[in-house]
Amino acid sequence: MSDLLSKLKKTSTVKQSEVLSKSQLFNKKDMCPTDVPILNVALSGSVDGGLTPGLTVIAGPSKHFKSNLALLTAAHILKNIVMLYVFSMILSLVLLLSI
């Protein structure tokens, strides 16, 4: 590590300061997979991947199913959010009943 980088890390007030390639904050990606493997590959580069956080742009000529792709990915995001909500509600009920 260079002297300048080590000095910057020492004087930083953020305790999780790290080189971007080793960062705990920027390397972790929560993916929202779809049921369509080729769409997962297009969105993340992995068959098991999916929609990654950040900006996703779907562009193309008219009548090339751009809206269909956007609706498909939005449906899977909403399905995952609903599943997380239901799981959290069940967990809170279990915790309440155990008291």
Protein backbone atom coordinates (compact mmCIF):
# COMPACT_ATOMS: atom_id res chain seq x y z
CA MET A 1 0.00 0.00 0.00
CA SER A 2 1.34 3.42 -0.88
CA ASP A 3 2.30 5.94 1.78
CA LEU A 4 -0.38 8.39 0.68
CA LEU A 5 -3.11 5.74 0.86
CA SER A 6 -2.06 4.60 4.31
CA LYS A 7 -2.00 8.23 5.54
CA LEU A 8 -5.48 8.82 4.13
CA LYS A 9 -6.85 5.69 5.82
CA LYS A 10 -5.26 6.69 9.13
CA THR A 11 -6.74 10.21 9.12
CA SER A 12 -10.17 9.12 7.89
CA THR A 13 -13.12 9.35 10.29
CA VAL A 14 -14.91 6.50 8.50
CA LYS A 15 -13.84 3.21 10.07
CA GLN A 16 -14.80 1.14 7.00
CA SER A 17 -12.49 3.05 4.66
CA GLU A 18 -10.95 0.65 2.18
CA VAL A 19 -9.77 0.41 -1.40
CA LEU A 20 -12.85 0.07 -3.62
CA SER A 21 -11.88 -3.41 -4.83
CA LYS A 22 -11.70 -4.61 -1.19
CA SER A 23 -14.66 -2.61 0.09
CA GLN A 24 -17.36 -4.33 2.13
CA LEU A 25 -19.91 -1.73 1.08
CA PHE A 26 -19.48 -1.59 -2.70
CA ASN A 27 -18.69 -5.20 -3.65
CA LYS A 28 -21.75 -6.81 -2.08
CA LYS A 29 -24.70 -6.88 -4.49
CA ASP A 30 -28.20 -8.00 -3.63
CA MET A 31 -29.64 -9.51 -6.78
CA CYS A 32 -33.29 -9.97 -7.60
CA PRO A 33 -33.42 -13.08 -9.83
CA THR A 34 -36.10 -13.66 -12.43
CA ASP A 35 -37.57 -16.95 -13.63
CA VAL A 36 -36.01 -16.41 -17.07
CA PRO A 37 -32.33 -17.50 -17.06
CA ILE A 38 -31.38 -15.60 -20.22
CA LEU A 39 -32.83 -12.41 -18.70
CA ASN A 40 -30.70 -13.01 -15.59
CA VAL A 41 -27.65 -13.27 -17.85
CA ALA A 42 -28.60 -10.04 -19.65
CA LEU A 43 -29.13 -8.17 -16.38
CA SER A 44 -26.18 -9.42 -14.32
CA GLY A 45 -23.93 -11.63 -16.41
CA SER A 46 -24.82 -14.72 -14.40
CA VAL A 47 -27.52 -17.37 -14.88
CA ASP A 48 -28.19 -17.30 -11.12
CA GLY A 49 -28.03 -13.50 -10.99
CA GLY A 50 -30.77 -11.05 -11.83
CA LEU A 51 -31.48 -7.38 -11.44
CA THR A 52 -28.69 -5.63 -9.55
CA PRO A 53 -28.91 -2.38 -7.60
CA GLY A 54 -28.34 0.76 -9.61
CA LEU A 55 -29.56 2.09 -12.92
CA THR A 56 -30.72 -0.41 -15.53
CA VAL A 57 -31.50 0.96 -18.98
CA ILE A 58 -33.55 -1.02 -21.49
CA ALA A 59 -33.25 0.61 -24.91
CA GLY A 60 -34.10 -0.46 -28.43
CA PRO A 61 -36.28 0.23 -31.45
CA SER A 62 -40.03 0.44 -31.25
CA LYS A 63 -41.97 -2.84 -30.79
CA HIS A 64 -39.03 -4.92 -29.57
CA PHE A 65 -40.61 -5.98 -26.22
CA LYS A 66 -38.84 -3.40 -24.03
CA SER A 67 -42.00 -2.88 -21.97
CA ASN A 68 -42.39 -6.63 -21.58
CA LEU A 69 -38.86 -6.93 -20.16
CA ALA A 70 -39.46 -4.01 -17.79
CA LEU A 71 -42.78 -5.46 -16.58
CA LEU A 72 -41.22 -8.90 -16.11
CA THR A 73 -38.39 -7.54 -13.96
CA ALA A 74 -40.77 -5.29 -12.01
CA ALA A 75 -43.05 -8.28 -11.29
CA HIS A 76 -40.14 -10.27 -9.84
CA ILE A 77 -39.01 -7.34 -7.72
CA LEU A 78 -42.52 -6.93 -6.32
CA LYS A 79 -42.79 -10.67 -5.71
CA ASN A 80 -39.54 -10.63 -3.72
CA ILE A 81 -40.65 -7.59 -1.72
CA VAL A 82 -43.99 -9.22 -0.87
CA MET A 83 -42.22 -12.42 0.18
CA LEU A 84 -39.88 -10.44 2.45
CA TYR A 85 -42.83 -8.58 3.95
CA VAL A 86 -44.77 -11.79 4.63
CA PHE A 87 -41.67 -13.42 6.13
CA SER A 88 -41.07 -10.44 8.42
CA MET A 89 -44.73 -10.44 9.54
CA ILE A 90 -44.62 -14.18 10.32
CA LEU A 91 -41.36 -13.73 12.21
CA SER A 92 -42.78 -10.86 14.27
CA LEU A 93 -45.88 -12.94 15.11
CA VAL A 94 -43.72 -15.85 16.22
CA LEU A 95 -41.67 -13.52 18.40
CA LEU A 96 -44.82 -12.01 19.93
CA LEU A 97 -46.29 -15.42 20.66
CA SER A 98 -43.10 -16.63 22.29
CA ILE A 99 -43.14 -13.81 24.85
